């Protein structure tokens, strides 16, 4: 008989992940501790230390789980609508009172810890690859040049949002997000975001 996935290990992992996200939402990366995650999750702290090792390990695990989750890539029927919907999704995610602090904490962790930085990089590589599907659809519809780099279009579209949030600490409105999408679209149509040979 084939062993079913899950069991106690999966329950422990899920409890610790949920506790990690809750702690990040409430206290940010600076306030994240293994002891607090252990207490919140109901998992003995020795187990948490043995399996995750540190707060960076907790961050890595949470990001790996998030990386595996499907990203709702917009499909409005045209590239401008898709890019605008995507940038608004990012902007709204950071503005969300529950999701925003967690996403911000992931970025803060990546700035301070190489393990967290590698996990965040892998997370965004996955997100950009998924989102690039909307660019490939646009190419197939003849809306963008065939040699456009789909992932680069996505990076170019969301970069201004991250710049405002984490470099200049400015608010990001829906209009800002749409302007970023429009700039990425103009760059893609001009050939500035073509693939490298």
N, C-alpha and C. Protein backbone atom coordinates (compact mmCIF):
# COMPACT_ATOMS: atom_id res chain seq x y z
N UNK A 1 0.85 -1.19 0.00
CA UNK A 1 0.00 0.00 0.00
C UNK A 1 0.89 1.25 0.00
N UNK A 2 0.56 2.18 -0.88
CA UNK A 2 1.36 3.41 -0.99
C UNK A 2 1.10 4.31 0.19
N UNK A 3 2.19 4.86 0.73
CA UNK A 3 2.07 5.76 1.88
C UNK A 3 1.55 7.10 1.42
N UNK A 4 0.57 7.60 2.13
CA UNK A 4 -0.02 8.89 1.76
C UNK A 4 0.85 10.02 2.29
N UNK A 5 0.99 11.09 1.48
CA UNK A 5 1.78 12.22 1.96
C UNK A 5 1.09 12.91 3.12
N UNK A 6 1.84 13.60 3.91
CA UNK A 6 1.25 14.34 5.01
C UNK A 6 1.67 13.76 6.33
N UNK A 7 0.71 13.56 7.22
CA UNK A 7 1.03 13.02 8.52
C UNK A 7 1.51 14.10 9.46
N UNK A 8 2.13 13.66 10.56
CA UNK A 8 2.54 14.58 11.61
C UNK A 8 3.54 15.61 11.11
N UNK A 9 4.49 15.20 10.30
CA UNK A 9 5.51 16.12 9.80
C UNK A 9 4.88 17.26 9.00
N UNK A 10 3.91 16.92 8.16
CA UNK A 10 3.23 17.95 7.37
C UNK A 10 2.43 18.88 8.27
N UNK A 11 1.79 18.34 9.29
CA UNK A 11 1.01 19.18 10.22
C UNK A 11 1.93 20.13 10.99
N UNK A 12 3.08 19.60 11.42
CA UNK A 12 4.05 20.45 12.12
C UNK A 12 4.54 21.56 11.20
N UNK A 13 4.90 21.20 9.97
CA UNK A 13 5.37 22.18 9.00
C UNK A 13 4.35 23.26 8.74
N UNK A 14 3.09 22.86 8.59
CA UNK A 14 2.03 23.83 8.32
C UNK A 14 1.81 24.75 9.53
N UNK A 15 1.82 24.17 10.73
CA UNK A 15 1.62 24.97 11.94
C UNK A 15 2.74 25.99 12.09
N UNK A 16 3.97 25.58 11.83
CA UNK A 16 5.11 26.49 11.96
C UNK A 16 5.05 27.56 10.88
N UNK A 17 4.69 27.18 9.67
CA UNK A 17 4.59 28.18 8.60
C UNK A 17 3.53 29.22 8.93
N UNK A 18 2.35 28.77 9.37
CA UNK A 18 1.29 29.71 9.71
C UNK A 18 1.70 30.62 10.86
N UNK A 19 2.41 30.06 11.83
CA UNK A 19 2.90 30.87 12.96
C UNK A 19 3.93 31.88 12.49
N UNK A 20 4.80 31.47 11.57
CA UNK A 20 5.81 32.38 11.03
C UNK A 20 5.14 33.56 10.33
N UNK A 21 4.15 33.28 9.49
CA UNK A 21 3.45 34.34 8.77
C UNK A 21 2.73 35.28 9.74
N UNK A 22 2.11 34.70 10.77
CA UNK A 22 1.40 35.52 11.75
C UNK A 22 2.37 36.41 12.52
N UNK A 23 3.52 35.86 12.90
CA UNK A 23 4.53 36.65 13.62
C UNK A 23 5.08 37.77 12.73
N UNK A 24 5.32 37.46 11.45
CA UNK A 24 5.80 38.49 10.53
C UNK A 24 4.76 39.60 10.37
N UNK A 25 3.50 39.22 10.26
CA UNK A 25 2.44 40.21 10.09
C UNK A 25 2.34 41.13 11.31
N UNK A 26 2.54 40.57 12.49
CA UNK A 26 2.40 41.35 13.72
C UNK A 26 3.66 42.12 14.11
N UNK A 27 4.83 41.50 13.89
CA UNK A 27 6.06 42.07 14.45
C UNK A 27 7.13 42.39 13.42
N UNK A 28 6.92 42.00 12.14
CA UNK A 28 7.93 42.24 11.12
C UNK A 28 9.12 41.31 11.29
N UNK A 29 10.09 41.47 10.40
CA UNK A 29 11.26 40.58 10.44
C UNK A 29 12.09 40.80 11.70
N UNK A 30 12.23 42.05 12.12
CA UNK A 30 13.04 42.35 13.31
C UNK A 30 12.47 41.68 14.56
N UNK A 31 11.16 41.49 14.60
CA UNK A 31 10.53 40.89 15.78
C UNK A 31 10.34 39.39 15.69
N UNK A 32 10.78 38.79 14.58
CA UNK A 32 10.60 37.35 14.40
C UNK A 32 11.63 36.59 15.23
N UNK A 33 11.16 35.66 16.05
CA UNK A 33 12.06 34.78 16.81
C UNK A 33 11.58 33.35 16.70
N UNK A 34 12.52 32.44 16.77
CA UNK A 34 12.18 31.01 16.73
C UNK A 34 11.31 30.66 17.93
N UNK A 35 11.65 31.20 19.10
CA UNK A 35 10.89 30.88 20.31
C UNK A 35 9.42 31.30 20.19
N UNK A 36 9.19 32.50 19.64
CA UNK A 36 7.81 32.97 19.49
C UNK A 36 7.04 32.13 18.48
N UNK A 37 7.71 31.73 17.39
CA UNK A 37 7.06 30.87 16.40
C UNK A 37 6.72 29.52 17.03
N UNK A 38 7.63 28.98 17.81
CA UNK A 38 7.38 27.70 18.48
C UNK A 38 6.18 27.81 19.41
N UNK A 39 6.15 28.89 20.19
CA UNK A 39 5.04 29.06 21.13
C UNK A 39 3.71 29.23 20.39
N UNK A 40 3.70 30.03 19.37
CA UNK A 40 2.46 30.27 18.63
C UNK A 40 1.98 29.02 17.91
N UNK A 41 2.92 28.25 17.38
CA UNK A 41 2.54 27.06 16.60
C UNK A 41 2.19 25.86 17.47
N UNK A 42 2.60 25.89 18.73
CA UNK A 42 2.38 24.73 19.60
C UNK A 42 3.38 23.62 19.35
N UNK A 43 4.44 23.92 18.63
CA UNK A 43 5.49 22.95 18.34
C UNK A 43 6.66 23.23 19.28
N UNK A 44 7.21 22.18 19.87
CA UNK A 44 8.31 22.38 20.82
C UNK A 44 9.46 23.10 20.15
N UNK A 45 10.05 24.04 20.87
CA UNK A 45 11.09 24.88 20.25
C UNK A 45 12.31 24.06 19.83
N UNK A 46 12.57 22.95 20.52
CA UNK A 46 13.68 22.08 20.11
C UNK A 46 13.45 21.54 18.70
N UNK A 47 12.20 21.17 18.42
CA UNK A 47 11.84 20.68 17.09
C UNK A 47 12.01 21.77 16.05
N UNK A 48 11.57 22.98 16.38
CA UNK A 48 11.68 24.09 15.44
C UNK A 48 13.15 24.41 15.15
N UNK A 49 13.97 24.47 16.20
CA UNK A 49 15.40 24.74 16.00
C UNK A 49 16.06 23.63 15.18
N UNK A 50 15.70 22.39 15.47
CA UNK A 50 16.32 21.27 14.76
C UNK A 50 15.96 21.28 13.27
N UNK A 51 14.70 21.56 12.96
CA UNK A 51 14.24 21.48 11.57
C UNK A 51 14.51 22.76 10.77
N UNK A 52 14.38 23.92 11.40
CA UNK A 52 14.52 25.19 10.67
C UNK A 52 15.79 25.95 11.04
N UNK A 53 16.31 25.73 12.21
CA UNK A 53 17.61 26.27 12.59
C UNK A 53 17.65 27.72 13.03
N UNK A 54 16.92 28.58 12.36
CA UNK A 54 17.01 30.02 12.62
C UNK A 54 15.81 30.72 12.00
N UNK A 55 15.73 32.03 12.23
CA UNK A 55 14.65 32.79 11.60
C UNK A 55 14.80 32.77 10.08
N UNK A 56 16.05 32.76 9.60
CA UNK A 56 16.26 32.69 8.15
C UNK A 56 15.70 31.39 7.59
N UNK A 57 15.84 30.30 8.34
CA UNK A 57 15.27 29.02 7.91
C UNK A 57 13.75 29.07 7.87
N UNK A 58 13.16 29.76 8.83
CA UNK A 58 11.70 29.92 8.84
C UNK A 58 11.24 30.73 7.61
N UNK A 59 11.98 31.80 7.32
CA UNK A 59 11.67 32.63 6.16
C UNK A 59 11.80 31.80 4.88
N UNK A 60 12.89 31.06 4.76
CA UNK A 60 13.13 30.24 3.58
C UNK A 60 11.98 29.26 3.34
N UNK A 61 11.56 28.58 4.40
CA UNK A 61 10.48 27.60 4.29
C UNK A 61 9.18 28.27 3.86
N UNK A 62 8.87 29.42 4.46
CA UNK A 62 7.64 30.14 4.11
C UNK A 62 7.66 30.57 2.65
N UNK A 63 8.81 31.05 2.18
CA UNK A 63 8.91 31.48 0.79
C UNK A 63 8.85 30.30 -0.16
N UNK A 64 9.44 29.17 0.21
CA UNK A 64 9.38 27.99 -0.65
C UNK A 64 7.94 27.50 -0.79
N UNK A 65 7.18 27.56 0.29
CA UNK A 65 5.77 27.18 0.21
C UNK A 65 5.00 28.16 -0.67
N UNK A 66 5.27 29.45 -0.50
CA UNK A 66 4.58 30.47 -1.31
C UNK A 66 4.95 30.32 -2.78
N UNK A 67 6.20 29.97 -3.05
CA UNK A 67 6.67 29.79 -4.42
C UNK A 67 5.88 28.71 -5.14
N UNK A 68 5.48 27.69 -4.40
CA UNK A 68 4.77 26.56 -4.98
C UNK A 68 3.29 26.86 -5.24
N UNK A 69 2.79 27.94 -4.66
CA UNK A 69 1.37 28.29 -4.82
C UNK A 69 1.15 28.98 -6.16
N UNK A 70 -0.01 28.73 -6.74
CA UNK A 70 -0.34 29.33 -8.03
C UNK A 70 -0.54 30.84 -7.87
N UNK A 71 -0.07 31.59 -8.84
CA UNK A 71 -0.19 33.04 -8.87
C UNK A 71 -1.29 33.38 -9.86
N UNK A 72 -2.28 34.18 -9.48
CA UNK A 72 -3.41 34.47 -10.38
C UNK A 72 -3.02 35.44 -11.49
N UNK A 73 -2.41 34.91 -12.54
CA UNK A 73 -1.96 35.76 -13.64
C UNK A 73 -3.16 36.33 -14.38
N UNK A 74 -3.24 37.65 -14.52
CA UNK A 74 -4.40 38.26 -15.19
C UNK A 74 -4.53 37.82 -16.65
N UNK A 75 -5.76 37.74 -17.11
CA UNK A 75 -6.05 37.43 -18.51
C UNK A 75 -7.27 38.24 -18.93
N UNK A 76 -7.02 39.51 -19.25
CA UNK A 76 -8.11 40.42 -19.60
C UNK A 76 -8.42 40.41 -21.09
N UNK A 77 -7.55 39.80 -21.89
CA UNK A 77 -7.77 39.75 -23.33
C UNK A 77 -6.86 40.68 -24.12
N UNK A 78 -6.18 41.61 -23.42
CA UNK A 78 -5.19 42.44 -24.12
C UNK A 78 -4.04 42.74 -23.19
N UNK A 79 -2.88 43.01 -23.76
CA UNK A 79 -1.66 43.13 -22.98
C UNK A 79 -1.68 44.33 -22.04
N UNK A 80 -2.25 45.43 -22.48
CA UNK A 80 -2.30 46.60 -21.59
C UNK A 80 -3.13 46.31 -20.35
N UNK A 81 -4.29 45.70 -20.54
CA UNK A 81 -5.13 45.34 -19.41
C UNK A 81 -4.46 44.33 -18.50
N UNK A 82 -3.76 43.35 -19.10
CA UNK A 82 -3.07 42.34 -18.30
C UNK A 82 -1.96 42.94 -17.45
N UNK A 83 -1.13 43.80 -18.07
CA UNK A 83 -0.02 44.40 -17.32
C UNK A 83 -0.53 45.33 -16.22
N UNK A 84 -1.56 46.08 -16.55
CA UNK A 84 -2.13 46.97 -15.53
C UNK A 84 -2.73 46.17 -14.37
N UNK A 85 -3.41 45.09 -14.69
CA UNK A 85 -3.99 44.25 -13.64
C UNK A 85 -2.90 43.62 -12.78
N UNK A 86 -1.80 43.22 -13.43
CA UNK A 86 -0.70 42.62 -12.69
C UNK A 86 -0.05 43.62 -11.73
N UNK A 87 0.25 44.82 -12.22
CA UNK A 87 0.90 45.80 -11.34
C UNK A 87 -0.04 46.24 -10.21
N UNK A 88 -1.33 46.31 -10.49
CA UNK A 88 -2.28 46.63 -9.42
C UNK A 88 -2.33 45.50 -8.39
N UNK A 89 -2.23 44.27 -8.85
CA UNK A 89 -2.20 43.12 -7.94
C UNK A 89 -1.01 43.22 -6.98
N UNK A 90 0.14 43.58 -7.51
CA UNK A 90 1.33 43.75 -6.67
C UNK A 90 1.13 44.92 -5.70
N UNK A 91 0.66 46.05 -6.23
CA UNK A 91 0.44 47.24 -5.39
C UNK A 91 -0.58 46.95 -4.28
N UNK A 92 -1.66 46.28 -4.64
CA UNK A 92 -2.70 45.97 -3.65
C UNK A 92 -2.20 44.96 -2.62
N UNK A 93 -1.35 44.04 -3.05
CA UNK A 93 -0.81 43.05 -2.12
C UNK A 93 0.01 43.71 -1.03
N UNK A 94 0.85 44.68 -1.39
CA UNK A 94 1.64 45.37 -0.38
C UNK A 94 0.80 46.31 0.47
N UNK A 95 -0.32 46.78 -0.07
CA UNK A 95 -1.20 47.67 0.69
C UNK A 95 -2.14 46.89 1.61
N UNK A 96 -2.31 45.60 1.38
CA UNK A 96 -3.21 44.78 2.18
C UNK A 96 -2.73 44.74 3.64
N UNK A 97 -3.63 44.96 4.60
CA UNK A 97 -3.20 45.02 6.00
C UNK A 97 -2.65 43.70 6.54
N UNK A 98 -3.03 42.58 5.94
CA UNK A 98 -2.50 41.28 6.40
C UNK A 98 -1.32 40.82 5.55
N UNK A 99 -1.45 40.88 4.22
CA UNK A 99 -0.40 40.40 3.35
C UNK A 99 0.78 41.36 3.24
N UNK A 100 0.49 42.65 3.28
CA UNK A 100 1.53 43.65 3.09
C UNK A 100 2.69 43.55 4.07
N UNK A 101 2.41 43.48 5.38
CA UNK A 101 3.51 43.38 6.33
C UNK A 101 4.35 42.12 6.15
N UNK A 102 3.73 41.03 5.74
CA UNK A 102 4.47 39.78 5.52
C UNK A 102 5.40 39.94 4.31
N UNK A 103 4.86 40.48 3.23
CA UNK A 103 5.68 40.69 2.02
C UNK A 103 6.83 41.64 2.31
N UNK A 104 6.56 42.69 3.06
CA UNK A 104 7.60 43.64 3.42
C UNK A 104 8.66 42.97 4.29
N UNK A 105 8.22 42.12 5.20
CA UNK A 105 9.17 41.41 6.07
C UNK A 105 10.07 40.48 5.26
N UNK A 106 9.54 39.85 4.22
CA UNK A 106 10.37 39.00 3.37
C UNK A 106 11.50 39.81 2.72
N UNK A 107 11.15 41.01 2.24
CA UNK A 107 12.16 41.87 1.61
C UNK A 107 13.19 42.32 2.66
N UNK A 108 12.72 42.70 3.84
CA UNK A 108 13.63 43.11 4.90
C UNK A 108 14.58 41.98 5.28
N UNK A 109 14.06 40.77 5.35
CA UNK A 109 14.89 39.61 5.68
C UNK A 109 15.96 39.39 4.61
N UNK A 110 15.58 39.55 3.36
CA UNK A 110 16.51 39.32 2.26
C UNK A 110 17.65 40.34 2.27
N UNK A 111 17.38 41.55 2.70
CA UNK A 111 18.42 42.57 2.77
C UNK A 111 19.46 42.21 3.83
N UNK A 112 19.02 41.50 4.88
CA UNK A 112 19.89 41.25 6.03
C UNK A 112 20.48 39.84 6.09
N UNK A 113 19.99 38.93 5.28
CA UNK A 113 20.43 37.55 5.41
C UNK A 113 20.53 36.89 4.03
N UNK A 114 21.66 36.28 3.73
CA UNK A 114 21.89 35.69 2.42
C UNK A 114 20.97 34.50 2.15
N UNK A 115 20.68 33.71 3.16
CA UNK A 115 19.78 32.57 2.98
C UNK A 115 18.38 33.05 2.60
N UNK A 116 17.91 34.07 3.30
CA UNK A 116 16.61 34.66 2.98
C UNK A 116 16.64 35.30 1.60
N UNK A 117 17.77 35.93 1.24
CA UNK A 117 17.89 36.56 -0.08
C UNK A 117 17.78 35.52 -1.19
N UNK A 118 18.44 34.38 -1.01
CA UNK A 118 18.35 33.31 -2.03
C UNK A 118 16.92 32.79 -2.15
N UNK A 119 16.25 32.66 -1.01
CA UNK A 119 14.86 32.17 -1.04
C UNK A 119 13.94 33.18 -1.72
N UNK A 120 14.15 34.47 -1.44
CA UNK A 120 13.32 35.50 -2.07
C UNK A 120 13.59 35.56 -3.57
N UNK A 121 14.85 35.41 -3.95
CA UNK A 121 15.20 35.39 -5.37
C UNK A 121 14.47 34.25 -6.09
N UNK A 122 14.52 33.05 -5.51
CA UNK A 122 13.84 31.90 -6.11
C UNK A 122 12.33 32.14 -6.20
N UNK A 123 11.77 32.76 -5.16
CA UNK A 123 10.34 33.07 -5.16
C UNK A 123 9.99 33.99 -6.33
N UNK A 124 10.77 35.05 -6.52
CA UNK A 124 10.45 35.98 -7.59
C UNK A 124 10.76 35.43 -8.98
N UNK A 125 11.76 34.58 -9.09
CA UNK A 125 12.00 33.91 -10.37
C UNK A 125 10.76 33.12 -10.77
N UNK A 126 10.19 32.40 -9.80
CA UNK A 126 8.97 31.62 -10.07
C UNK A 126 7.79 32.53 -10.42
N UNK A 127 7.60 33.62 -9.66
CA UNK A 127 6.50 34.54 -9.92
C UNK A 127 6.63 35.19 -11.31
N UNK A 128 7.86 35.60 -11.66
CA UNK A 128 8.07 36.24 -12.96
C UNK A 128 7.84 35.25 -14.09
N UNK A 129 8.27 34.01 -13.89
CA UNK A 129 8.05 32.98 -14.92
C UNK A 129 6.56 32.73 -15.14
N UNK A 130 5.80 32.68 -14.05
CA UNK A 130 4.35 32.50 -14.19
C UNK A 130 3.71 33.70 -14.88
N UNK A 131 4.10 34.89 -14.42
CA UNK A 131 3.51 36.12 -14.97
C UNK A 131 3.87 36.33 -16.43
N UNK A 132 5.03 35.82 -16.84
CA UNK A 132 5.48 35.99 -18.22
C UNK A 132 4.51 35.36 -19.22
N UNK A 133 3.64 34.49 -18.75
CA UNK A 133 2.62 33.91 -19.64
C UNK A 133 1.75 34.96 -20.30
N UNK A 134 1.48 36.06 -19.59
CA UNK A 134 0.64 37.10 -20.20
C UNK A 134 1.39 37.80 -21.33
N UNK A 135 2.72 37.88 -21.22
CA UNK A 135 3.51 38.48 -22.30
C UNK A 135 3.54 37.53 -23.50
N UNK A 136 3.69 36.24 -23.23
CA UNK A 136 3.70 35.27 -24.34
C UNK A 136 2.36 35.26 -25.08
N UNK A 137 1.28 35.41 -24.35
CA UNK A 137 -0.04 35.50 -25.00
C UNK A 137 -0.09 36.74 -25.89
N UNK A 138 0.48 37.84 -25.39
CA UNK A 138 0.48 39.09 -26.16
C UNK A 138 1.29 38.93 -27.44
N UNK A 139 2.41 38.22 -27.36
CA UNK A 139 3.22 37.97 -28.56
C UNK A 139 2.42 37.14 -29.55
N UNK A 140 1.74 36.12 -29.06
CA UNK A 140 0.94 35.24 -29.93
C UNK A 140 -0.20 36.02 -30.60
N UNK A 141 -0.72 37.05 -29.93
CA UNK A 141 -1.79 37.87 -30.51
C UNK A 141 -1.24 38.96 -31.41
N UNK A 142 0.07 39.10 -31.50
CA UNK A 142 0.68 40.12 -32.34
C UNK A 142 0.76 41.49 -31.68
N UNK A 143 0.58 41.55 -30.36
CA UNK A 143 0.61 42.83 -29.66
C UNK A 143 2.02 43.27 -29.28
N UNK A 144 2.95 42.33 -29.24
CA UNK A 144 4.33 42.63 -28.87
C UNK A 144 5.29 41.95 -29.85
N UNK A 145 6.51 42.49 -30.00
CA UNK A 145 7.48 41.87 -30.90
C UNK A 145 7.82 40.44 -30.46
N UNK A 146 8.13 39.61 -31.43
CA UNK A 146 8.42 38.21 -31.13
C UNK A 146 9.69 38.03 -30.31
N UNK A 147 10.62 38.98 -30.41
CA UNK A 147 11.89 38.82 -29.70
C UNK A 147 11.88 39.44 -28.30
N UNK A 148 10.72 39.85 -27.81
CA UNK A 148 10.64 40.45 -26.48
C UNK A 148 11.00 39.40 -25.42
N UNK A 149 11.64 39.85 -24.35
CA UNK A 149 11.98 38.97 -23.22
C UNK A 149 10.82 39.03 -22.22
N UNK A 150 10.00 37.98 -22.13
CA UNK A 150 8.79 38.03 -21.29
C UNK A 150 9.07 38.35 -19.82
N UNK A 151 10.08 37.69 -19.23
CA UNK A 151 10.38 37.95 -17.83
C UNK A 151 10.87 39.39 -17.61
N UNK A 152 11.62 39.92 -18.58
CA UNK A 152 12.12 41.28 -18.45
C UNK A 152 10.97 42.29 -18.48
N UNK A 153 9.95 42.02 -19.28
CA UNK A 153 8.78 42.90 -19.31
C UNK A 153 8.13 42.93 -17.92
N UNK A 154 8.00 41.77 -17.30
CA UNK A 154 7.40 41.69 -15.97
C UNK A 154 8.26 42.43 -14.95
N UNK A 155 9.56 42.19 -14.96
CA UNK A 155 10.45 42.89 -14.02
C UNK A 155 10.35 44.41 -14.21
N UNK A 156 10.34 44.85 -15.47
CA UNK A 156 10.28 46.27 -15.78
C UNK A 156 8.96 46.88 -15.29
N UNK A 157 7.88 46.11 -15.36
CA UNK A 157 6.56 46.60 -14.94
C UNK A 157 6.46 46.77 -13.42
N UNK A 158 7.01 45.83 -12.68
CA UNK A 158 6.85 45.88 -11.22
C UNK A 158 7.96 46.65 -10.52
N UNK A 159 9.09 46.88 -11.19
CA UNK A 159 10.23 47.53 -10.54
C UNK A 159 9.89 48.89 -9.92
N UNK A 160 9.14 49.76 -10.59
CA UNK A 160 8.85 51.06 -9.97
C UNK A 160 8.08 50.94 -8.66
N UNK A 161 7.27 49.90 -8.52
CA UNK A 161 6.52 49.70 -7.28
C UNK A 161 7.49 49.41 -6.14
N UNK A 162 8.43 48.50 -6.40
CA UNK A 162 9.40 48.15 -5.37
C UNK A 162 10.31 49.34 -5.06
N UNK A 163 10.66 50.12 -6.06
CA UNK A 163 11.50 51.29 -5.84
C UNK A 163 10.82 52.27 -4.89
N UNK A 164 9.57 52.54 -5.13
CA UNK A 164 8.84 53.47 -4.27
C UNK A 164 8.69 52.91 -2.85
N UNK A 165 8.38 51.62 -2.76
CA UNK A 165 8.14 51.03 -1.45
C UNK A 165 9.41 50.91 -0.61
N UNK A 166 10.52 50.50 -1.24
CA UNK A 166 11.68 50.09 -0.45
C UNK A 166 12.93 50.96 -0.63
N UNK A 167 12.90 51.92 -1.56
CA UNK A 167 14.05 52.80 -1.72
C UNK A 167 13.69 54.22 -1.30
N UNK A 168 12.62 54.76 -1.89
CA UNK A 168 12.25 56.14 -1.58
C UNK A 168 11.15 56.24 -0.53
N UNK A 169 10.56 55.09 -0.15
CA UNK A 169 9.52 55.05 0.89
C UNK A 169 8.37 56.01 0.57
N UNK A 170 7.89 55.91 -0.66
CA UNK A 170 6.75 56.71 -1.09
C UNK A 170 5.52 55.81 -1.17
N UNK A 171 4.35 56.39 -1.02
CA UNK A 171 3.14 55.60 -1.23
C UNK A 171 3.02 55.19 -2.69
N UNK A 172 2.36 54.07 -2.92
CA UNK A 172 2.14 53.59 -4.29
C UNK A 172 0.63 53.47 -4.49
N UNK A 173 0.11 54.26 -5.42
CA UNK A 173 -1.32 54.25 -5.71
C UNK A 173 -1.60 53.34 -6.90
N UNK A 174 -2.88 53.10 -7.13
CA UNK A 174 -3.28 52.32 -8.31
C UNK A 174 -2.83 53.03 -9.58
N UNK A 175 -2.89 54.36 -9.58
CA UNK A 175 -2.45 55.13 -10.75
C UNK A 175 -0.95 54.94 -10.98
N UNK A 176 -0.17 54.90 -9.90
CA UNK A 176 1.27 54.65 -10.03
C UNK A 176 1.51 53.27 -10.64
N UNK A 177 0.76 52.29 -10.18
CA UNK A 177 0.92 50.93 -10.67
C UNK A 177 0.58 50.85 -12.16
N UNK A 178 -0.47 51.51 -12.57
CA UNK A 178 -0.87 51.50 -13.98
C UNK A 178 0.14 52.25 -14.85
N UNK A 179 0.70 53.32 -14.31
CA UNK A 179 1.73 54.06 -15.05
C UNK A 179 2.96 53.18 -15.27
N UNK A 180 3.32 52.39 -14.27
CA UNK A 180 4.46 51.47 -14.40
C UNK A 180 4.17 50.43 -15.48
N UNK A 181 2.95 49.94 -15.51
CA UNK A 181 2.57 48.96 -16.53
C UNK A 181 2.64 49.58 -17.92
N UNK A 182 2.14 50.80 -18.06
CA UNK A 182 2.15 51.47 -19.36
C UNK A 182 3.58 51.73 -19.84
N UNK A 183 4.48 52.08 -18.91
CA UNK A 183 5.88 52.31 -19.27
C UNK A 183 6.53 51.02 -19.75
N UNK A 184 6.23 49.92 -19.06
CA UNK A 184 6.78 48.62 -19.48
C UNK A 184 6.25 48.23 -20.86
N UNK A 185 4.98 48.50 -21.10
CA UNK A 185 4.39 48.17 -22.40
C UNK A 185 5.05 49.00 -23.51
N UNK A 186 5.25 50.29 -23.27
CA UNK A 186 5.90 51.15 -24.26
C UNK A 186 7.32 50.67 -24.54
N UNK A 187 8.04 50.30 -23.50
CA UNK A 187 9.40 49.81 -23.67
C UNK A 187 9.41 48.49 -24.46
N UNK A 188 8.47 47.62 -24.15
CA UNK A 188 8.40 46.34 -24.86
C UNK A 188 8.07 46.54 -26.33
N UNK A 189 7.15 47.44 -26.61
CA UNK A 189 6.76 47.69 -28.01
C UNK A 189 7.88 48.36 -28.80
N UNK A 190 8.72 49.13 -28.10
CA UNK A 190 9.81 49.84 -28.79
C UNK A 190 10.98 48.93 -29.12
N UNK A 191 10.99 47.75 -28.53
CA UNK A 191 12.12 46.84 -28.74
C UNK A 191 13.20 46.94 -27.66
N UNK A 192 12.98 47.83 -26.68
CA UNK A 192 13.98 48.02 -25.62
C UNK A 192 14.08 46.82 -24.69
N UNK A 193 13.06 45.97 -24.66
CA UNK A 193 13.07 44.81 -23.77
C UNK A 193 13.18 43.50 -24.56
N UNK A 194 13.94 43.56 -25.64
CA UNK A 194 14.13 42.36 -26.46
C UNK A 194 15.05 41.35 -25.79
N UNK A 195 14.95 40.12 -26.22
CA UNK A 195 15.81 39.07 -25.69
C UNK A 195 17.24 39.28 -26.13
N UNK A 196 18.16 38.73 -25.38
CA UNK A 196 19.57 38.81 -25.75
C UNK A 196 19.96 37.58 -26.52
N UNK A 197 20.82 37.76 -27.51
CA UNK A 197 21.23 36.61 -28.34
C UNK A 197 22.65 36.22 -27.99
